[in-house]
Amino acid sequence: MPHLTPLDTPRGPARVDTDLPAGPPTSLLVLGHGAGGAVDAPDLLALRDAACGAGMVVARVTQPYRVAGRRAPAPAGHLDEAWRAVLAVLRRRYPALPLLVGGRSSGARVACRTARAVGAAGVVALAFPLHPPGRPERSRADELTTGLPTLVVNGDRDPFGTPAAGGPVEVVVRRGERHDLRQDPVGTAEAVLTWLRAHGWAR
């Protein structure tokens, strides 16, 4: 069972669900949820299971607006501020572990925007929303340019688009998947785990 912890942030209390591996941990993976979703999304749960089984501590962060019962997301600056506050606590709890940050959709954007500031070694972006549906001119590709190893996993039927690979950004496109990545969450998790192992962050 995950260990649930409320954490105070400048934007109100967040919640962290932490799952520990059976043996000595290899790294810490912190994941955020989508704009109107939660940390029990199928792809996040599948990734948690795979990562814990491969030696990683996995912390899933619920943003303050969702803890308060709101579905409409807070402004980007508020999300980033709360995320940084939670990450500061987690870094103190696990100071010796390499830090990987990520999430799905909005959570992936938050992780990318703050990756350098929180001292992350890499980023996992599930269903990265490249642009609003039908608005490719409003690209968010610049958020992926952290300079850190980054894995993007998107579906080929995602109306939010799929980023292009380049530099340290690798992209896995899942056939038949839409933005929710619900068709084969285990396959999505396996793609991430392959990447994590290649970088030495998972067993």
C-alpha atoms as a PDB file:
ATOM      1  CA  MET A   1       0.000   0.000   0.000  1.00  0.00           C
ATOM      2  CA  PRO A   2       1.299   3.500  -0.770  1.00  0.00           C
ATOM      3  CA  HIS A   3       2.214   5.830   2.055  1.00  0.00           C
ATOM      4  CA  LEU A   4       0.028   8.961   1.858  1.00  0.00           C
ATOM      5  CA  THR A   5       1.440  12.244   3.112  1.00  0.00           C
ATOM      6  CA  PRO A   6      -0.141  15.716   3.100  1.00  0.00           C
ATOM      7  CA  LEU A   7       2.450  18.410   2.401  1.00  0.00           C
ATOM      8  CA  ASP A   8       2.010  22.138   2.820  1.00  0.00           C
ATOM      9  CA  THR A   9       2.889  24.333  -0.162  1.00  0.00           C
ATOM     10  CA  PRO A  10       2.522  28.092  -0.790  1.00  0.00           C
ATOM     11  CA  ARG A  11      -0.612  27.177  -2.785  1.00  0.00           C
ATOM     12  CA  GLY A  12      -2.251  25.008  -0.142  1.00  0.00           C
ATOM     13  CA  PRO A  13      -1.799  21.382   0.906  1.00  0.00           C
ATOM     14  CA  ALA A  14      -0.673  18.856  -1.693  1.00  0.00           C
ATOM     15  CA  ARG A  15      -0.711  15.083  -1.244  1.00  0.00           C
ATOM     16  CA  VAL A  16       2.048  12.599  -1.979  1.00  0.00           C
ATOM     17  CA  ASP A  17       1.464   8.860  -2.476  1.00  0.00           C
ATOM     18  CA  THR A  18       4.817   7.109  -2.055  1.00  0.00           C
ATOM     19  CA  ASP A  19       5.546   3.499  -3.018  1.00  0.00           C
ATOM     20  CA  LEU A  20       8.809   1.833  -2.027  1.00  0.00           C
ATOM     21  CA  PRO A  21      10.634  -0.993  -3.833  1.00  0.00           C
ATOM     22  CA  ALA A  22      11.295  -4.330  -2.163  1.00  0.00           C
ATOM     23  CA  GLY A  23      15.080  -3.917  -2.156  1.00  0.00           C
ATOM     24  CA  PRO A  24      17.568  -1.045  -1.998  1.00  0.00           C
ATOM     25  CA  PRO A  25      16.275   1.895  -4.074  1.00  0.00           C
ATOM     26  CA  THR A  26      18.054   2.929  -7.257  1.00  0.00           C
ATOM     27  CA  SER A  27      16.413   6.328  -7.802  1.00  0.00           C
ATOM     28  CA  LEU A  28      13.392   8.507  -7.041  1.00  0.00           C
ATOM     29  CA  LEU A  29      10.640   9.014  -9.634  1.00  0.00           C
ATOM     30  CA  VAL A  30       8.133  11.801  -8.927  1.00  0.00           C
ATOM     31  CA  LEU A  31       4.994  11.938 -11.070  1.00  0.00           C
ATOM     32  CA  GLY A  32       2.235  14.524 -11.525  1.00  0.00           C
ATOM     33  CA  HIS A  33      -1.320  14.099 -12.813  1.00  0.00           C
ATOM     34  CA  GLY A  34      -3.224  15.590 -15.739  1.00  0.00           C
ATOM     35  CA  ALA A  35      -5.205  18.827 -15.530  1.00  0.00           C
ATOM     36  CA  GLY A  36      -8.565  17.334 -14.549  1.00  0.00           C
ATOM     37  CA  GLY A  37      -7.293  13.902 -13.593  1.00  0.00           C
ATOM     38  CA  ALA A  38      -5.730  12.171 -10.647  1.00  0.00           C
ATOM     39  CA  VAL A  39      -2.686  10.108  -9.745  1.00  0.00           C
ATOM     40  CA  ASP A  40      -4.648   6.882 -10.246  1.00  0.00           C
ATOM     41  CA  ALA A  41      -4.731   7.283 -14.054  1.00  0.00           C
ATOM     42  CA  PRO A  42      -4.011   3.911 -15.701  1.00  0.00           C
ATOM     43  CA  ASP A  43      -0.686   4.949 -17.223  1.00  0.00           C
ATOM     44  CA  LEU A  44       0.576   6.420 -13.943  1.00  0.00           C
ATOM     45  CA  LEU A  45      -0.396   3.304 -11.986  1.00  0.00           C
ATOM     46  CA  ALA A  46       1.223   1.012 -14.546  1.00  0.00           C
ATOM     47  CA  LEU A  47       4.401   3.082 -14.455  1.00  0.00           C
ATOM     48  CA  ARG A  48       4.389   3.035 -10.655  1.00  0.00           C
ATOM     49  CA  ASP A  49       4.147  -0.754 -10.623  1.00  0.00           C
ATOM     50  CA  ALA A  50       6.898  -1.220 -13.211  1.00  0.00           C
ATOM     51  CA  ALA A  51       9.240   1.316 -11.632  1.00  0.00           C
ATOM     52  CA  CYS A  52       8.810  -0.009  -8.085  1.00  0.00           C
ATOM     53  CA  GLY A  53       9.444  -3.505  -9.374  1.00  0.00           C
ATOM     54  CA  ALA A  54      12.687  -2.224 -10.892  1.00  0.00           C
ATOM     55  CA  GLY A  55      13.990  -0.680  -7.678  1.00  0.00           C
ATOM     56  CA  MET A  56      12.662   2.874  -7.824  1.00  0.00           C
ATOM     57  CA  VAL A  57      10.918   4.891  -5.141  1.00  0.00           C
ATOM     58  CA  VAL A  58       7.800   6.330  -6.820  1.00  0.00           C
ATOM     59  CA  ALA A  59       6.020   9.402  -5.461  1.00  0.00           C
ATOM     60  CA  ARG A  60       2.778  10.547  -7.090  1.00  0.00           C
ATOM     61  CA  VAL A  61       1.892  14.161  -6.323  1.00  0.00           C
ATOM     62  CA  THR A  62      -1.667  15.509  -6.176  1.00  0.00           C
ATOM     63  CA  GLN A  63      -1.673  19.264  -6.739  1.00  0.00           C
ATOM     64  CA  PRO A  64      -3.365  21.518  -4.127  1.00  0.00           C
ATOM     65  CA  TYR A  65      -6.287  22.448  -6.402  1.00  0.00           C
ATOM     66  CA  ARG A  66      -7.210  18.760  -6.750  1.00  0.00           C
ATOM     67  CA  VAL A  67      -6.779  18.130  -3.007  1.00  0.00           C
ATOM     68  CA  ALA A  68      -9.251  21.001  -2.507  1.00  0.00           C
ATOM     69  CA  GLY A  69     -11.744  19.243  -4.792  1.00  0.00           C
ATOM     70  CA  ARG A  70     -11.450  21.512  -7.825  1.00  0.00           C
ATOM     71  CA  ARG A  71     -11.187  20.131 -11.352  1.00  0.00           C
ATOM     72  CA  ALA A  72     -10.219  23.347 -13.141  1.00  0.00           C
ATOM     73  CA  PRO A  73      -6.428  23.575 -13.007  1.00  0.00           C
ATOM     74  CA  ALA A  74      -4.593  26.336 -11.223  1.00  0.00           C
ATOM     75  CA  PRO A  75      -2.469  28.775 -13.278  1.00  0.00           C
ATOM     76  CA  ALA A  76       0.860  27.401 -14.488  1.00  0.00           C
ATOM     77  CA  GLY A  77       2.845  29.525 -12.065  1.00  0.00           C
ATOM     78  CA  HIS A  78       0.835  28.179  -9.111  1.00  0.00           C
ATOM     79  CA  LEU A  79       1.282  24.583 -10.271  1.00  0.00           C
ATOM     80  CA  ASP A  80       5.027  25.053 -10.631  1.00  0.00           C
ATOM     81  CA  GLU A  81       5.333  26.721  -7.228  1.00  0.00           C
ATOM     82  CA  ALA A  82       3.478  23.928  -5.436  1.00  0.00           C
ATOM     83  CA  TRP A  83       5.474  21.265  -7.323  1.00  0.00           C
ATOM     84  CA  ARG A  84       8.798  22.856  -6.389  1.00  0.00           C
ATOM     85  CA  ALA A  85       7.754  22.962  -2.728  1.00  0.00           C
ATOM     86  CA  VAL A  86       6.859  19.258  -2.751  1.00  0.00           C
ATOM     87  CA  LEU A  87      10.075  18.349  -4.563  1.00  0.00           C
ATOM     88  CA  ALA A  88      12.131  20.219  -1.979  1.00  0.00           C
ATOM     89  CA  VAL A  89      10.671  17.997   0.752  1.00  0.00           C
ATOM     90  CA  LEU A  90      11.165  14.814  -1.265  1.00  0.00           C
ATOM     91  CA  ARG A  91      14.790  15.710  -2.008  1.00  0.00           C
ATOM     92  CA  ARG A  92      15.426  16.048   1.730  1.00  0.00           C
ATOM     93  CA  ARG A  93      13.817  12.652   2.334  1.00  0.00           C
ATOM     94  CA  TYR A  94      15.858  10.902  -0.358  1.00  0.00           C
ATOM     95  CA  PRO A  95      19.030  12.985  -0.703  1.00  0.00           C
ATOM     96  CA  ALA A  96      21.240  10.222  -2.089  1.00  0.00           C
ATOM     97  CA  LEU A  97      18.954   9.082  -4.922  1.00  0.00           C
ATOM     98  CA  PRO A  98      19.008  10.385  -8.506  1.00  0.00           C
ATOM     99  CA  LEU A  99      15.793  12.347  -9.117  1.00  0.00           C
ATOM    100  CA  LEU A 100      13.542  11.734 -12.122  1.00  0.00           C
ATOM    101  CA  VAL A 101      10.485  13.918 -12.607  1.00  0.00           C
ATOM    102  CA  GLY A 102       7.493  13.463 -14.860  1.00  0.00           C
ATOM    103  CA  GLY A 103       3.799  12.959 -15.173  1.00  0.00           C
ATOM    104  CA  ARG A 104       1.025  12.903 -17.701  1.00  0.00           C
ATOM    105  CA  SER A 105      -0.254  15.835 -19.784  1.00  0.00           C
ATOM    106  CA  SER A 106      -0.331  18.945 -17.552  1.00  0.00           C
ATOM    107  CA  GLY A 107       1.826  17.112 -15.018  1.00  0.00           C
ATOM    108  CA  ALA A 108       4.419  16.457 -17.711  1.00  0.00           C
ATOM    109  CA  ARG A 109       4.495  20.171 -18.563  1.00  0.00           C
ATOM    110  CA  VAL A 110       5.025  21.110 -14.902  1.00  0.00           C
ATOM    111  CA  ALA A 111       7.843  18.559 -14.626  1.00  0.00           C
ATOM    112  CA  CYS A 112       9.543  19.939 -17.739  1.00  0.00           C
ATOM    113  CA  ARG A 113       9.235  23.592 -16.717  1.00  0.00           C
ATOM    114  CA  THR A 114      10.762  22.964 -13.283  1.00  0.00           C
ATOM    115  CA  ALA A 115      13.182  20.096 -14.009  1.00  0.00           C
ATOM    116  CA  ARG A 116      16.330  22.209 -13.832  1.00  0.00           C
ATOM    117  CA  ALA A 117      15.196  24.125 -10.750  1.00  0.00           C
ATOM    118  CA  VAL A 118      14.518  20.961  -8.719  1.00  0.00           C
ATOM    119  CA  GLY A 119      17.768  19.250  -9.710  1.00  0.00           C
ATOM    120  CA  ALA A 120      16.296  16.468 -11.825  1.00  0.00           C
ATOM    121  CA  ALA A 121      18.517  14.077 -13.751  1.00  0.00           C
ATOM    122  CA  GLY A 122      15.829  13.306 -16.358  1.00  0.00           C
ATOM    123  CA  VAL A 123      12.186  13.762 -17.334  1.00  0.00           C
ATOM    124  CA  VAL A 124       9.393  11.317 -18.235  1.00  0.00           C
ATOM    125  CA  ALA A 125       6.556  12.995 -20.167  1.00  0.00           C
ATOM    126  CA  LEU A 126       3.452  10.878 -20.765  1.00  0.00           C
ATOM    127  CA  ALA A 127       0.906  12.298 -23.242  1.00  0.00           C
ATOM    128  CA  PHE A 128       2.774  15.599 -23.519  1.00  0.00           C
ATOM    129  CA  PRO A 129       0.174  18.074 -24.892  1.00  0.00           C
ATOM    130  CA  LEU A 130       2.174  19.665 -27.702  1.00  0.00           C
ATOM    131  CA  HIS A 131      -0.635  22.092 -28.554  1.00  0.00           C
ATOM    132  CA  PRO A 132      -4.338  22.631 -27.828  1.00  0.00           C
ATOM    133  CA  PRO A 133      -6.524  20.420 -30.074  1.00  0.00           C
ATOM    134  CA  GLY A 134      -6.789  21.939 -33.523  1.00  0.00           C
ATOM    135  CA  ARG A 135      -4.294  24.708 -32.709  1.00  0.00           C
ATOM    136  CA  PRO A 136      -0.865  23.444 -33.873  1.00  0.00           C
ATOM    137  CA  GLU A 137       0.378  27.025 -34.131  1.00  0.00           C
ATOM    138  CA  ARG A 138       0.287  27.242 -30.316  1.00  0.00           C
ATOM    139  CA  SER A 139       3.161  24.818 -29.802  1.00  0.00           C
ATOM    140  CA  ARG A 140       4.581  24.102 -26.348  1.00  0.00           C
ATOM    141  CA  ALA A 141       7.641  22.339 -27.722  1.00  0.00           C
ATOM    142  CA  ASP A 142       9.933  24.839 -26.011  1.00  0.00           C
ATOM    143  CA  GLU A 143       8.939  23.389 -22.619  1.00  0.00           C
ATOM    144  CA  LEU A 144      10.738  20.176 -23.573  1.00  0.00           C
ATOM    145  CA  THR A 145      14.062  21.937 -24.146  1.00  0.00           C
ATOM    146  CA  THR A 146      15.435  21.368 -20.643  1.00  0.00           C
ATOM    147  CA  GLY A 147      18.770  19.993 -21.853  1.00  0.00           C
ATOM    148  CA  LEU A 148      18.118  16.895 -19.722  1.00  0.00           C
ATOM    149  CA  PRO A 149      17.488  13.350 -20.951  1.00  0.00           C
ATOM    150  CA  THR A 150      13.756  13.329 -21.640  1.00  0.00           C
ATOM    151  CA  LEU A 151      11.394  10.581 -22.750  1.00  0.00           C
ATOM    152  CA  VAL A 152       8.057  11.491 -24.334  1.00  0.00           C
ATOM    153  CA  VAL A 153       5.433   8.751 -24.758  1.00  0.00           C
ATOM    154  CA  ASN A 154       2.402   9.832 -26.816  1.00  0.00           C
ATOM    155  CA  GLY A 155      -0.320   8.116 -28.786  1.00  0.00           C
ATOM    156  CA  ASP A 156      -0.508   8.447 -32.547  1.00  0.00           C
ATOM    157  CA  ARG A 157      -4.184   9.457 -32.215  1.00  0.00           C
ATOM    158  CA  ASP A 158      -3.604  12.160 -29.603  1.00  0.00           C
ATOM    159  CA  PRO A 159      -5.504  15.350 -30.617  1.00  0.00           C
ATOM    160  CA  PHE A 160      -2.960  17.379 -28.622  1.00  0.00           C
ATOM    161  CA  GLY A 161      -0.224  16.337 -31.049  1.00  0.00           C
ATOM    162  CA  THR A 162       3.091  14.573 -30.595  1.00  0.00           C
ATOM    163  CA  PRO A 163       6.450  16.339 -30.159  1.00  0.00           C
ATOM    164  CA  ALA A 164       9.404  15.589 -32.410  1.00  0.00           C
ATOM    165  CA  ALA A 165      12.521  13.902 -31.085  1.00  0.00           C
ATOM    166  CA  GLY A 166      15.752  15.833 -31.029  1.00  0.00           C
ATOM    167  CA  GLY A 167      18.866  16.191 -28.892  1.00  0.00           C
ATOM    168  CA  PRO A 168      18.275  14.626 -25.471  1.00  0.00           C
ATOM    169  CA  VAL A 169      14.522  14.267 -26.165  1.00  0.00           C
ATOM    170  CA  GLU A 170      13.459  10.771 -27.204  1.00  0.00           C
ATOM    171  CA  VAL A 171       9.905  10.100 -28.392  1.00  0.00           C
ATOM    172  CA  VAL A 172       7.972   6.820 -28.321  1.00  0.00           C
ATOM    173  CA  VAL A 173       4.734   6.842 -30.316  1.00  0.00           C
ATOM    174  CA  ARG A 174       2.164   4.254 -29.223  1.00  0.00           C
ATOM    175  CA  ARG A 175      -0.050   3.015 -32.050  1.00  0.00           C
ATOM    176  CA  GLY A 176      -3.799   3.323 -31.553  1.00  0.00           C
ATOM    177  CA  GLU A 177      -3.475   5.351 -28.343  1.00  0.00           C
ATOM    178  CA  ARG A 178      -5.233   8.647 -27.684  1.00  0.00           C
ATOM    179  CA  HIS A 179      -4.397  11.274 -25.061  1.00  0.00           C
ATOM    180  CA  ASP A 180      -5.470   9.080 -22.135  1.00  0.00           C
ATOM    181  CA  LEU A 181      -3.036   6.241 -23.052  1.00  0.00           C
ATOM    182  CA  ARG A 182      -5.624   3.784 -21.732  1.00  0.00           C
ATOM    183  CA  GLN A 183      -5.396   1.070 -24.396  1.00  0.00           C
ATOM    184  CA  ASP A 184      -2.187  -0.544 -23.151  1.00  0.00           C
ATOM    185  CA  PRO A 185      -0.847   1.140 -20.015  1.00  0.00           C
ATOM    186  CA  VAL A 186       1.461  -1.804 -19.287  1.00  0.00           C
ATOM    187  CA  GLY A 187       3.079  -1.402 -22.705  1.00  0.00           C
ATOM    188  CA  THR A 188       3.539   2.308 -22.051  1.00  0.00           C
ATOM    189  CA  ALA A 189       5.165   1.545 -18.695  1.00  0.00           C
ATOM    190  CA  GLU A 190       7.485  -0.988 -20.329  1.00  0.00           C
ATOM    191  CA  ALA A 191       8.639   1.625 -22.841  1.00  0.00           C
ATOM    192  CA  VAL A 192       9.489   3.997 -19.995  1.00  0.00           C
ATOM    193  CA  LEU A 193      11.231   1.262 -18.017  1.00  0.00           C
ATOM    194  CA  THR A 194      13.432   0.389 -20.992  1.00  0.00           C
ATOM    195  CA  TRP A 195      14.552   4.018 -21.146  1.00  0.00           C
ATOM    196  CA  LEU A 196      15.109   4.246 -17.382  1.00  0.00           C
ATOM    197  CA  ARG A 197      17.238   1.101 -17.422  1.00  0.00           C
ATOM    198  CA  ALA A 198      19.282   2.376 -20.355  1.00  0.00           C
ATOM    199  CA  HIS A 199      20.263   5.374 -18.209  1.00  0.00           C
ATOM    200  CA  GLY A 200      21.009   3.275 -15.133  1.00  0.00           C
ATOM    201  CA  TRP A 201      18.107   4.620 -13.065  1.00  0.00           C
ATOM    202  CA  ALA A 202      16.253   1.302 -12.761  1.00  0.00           C
ATOM    203  CA  ARG A 203      17.282  -2.323 -12.329  1.00  0.00           C
END
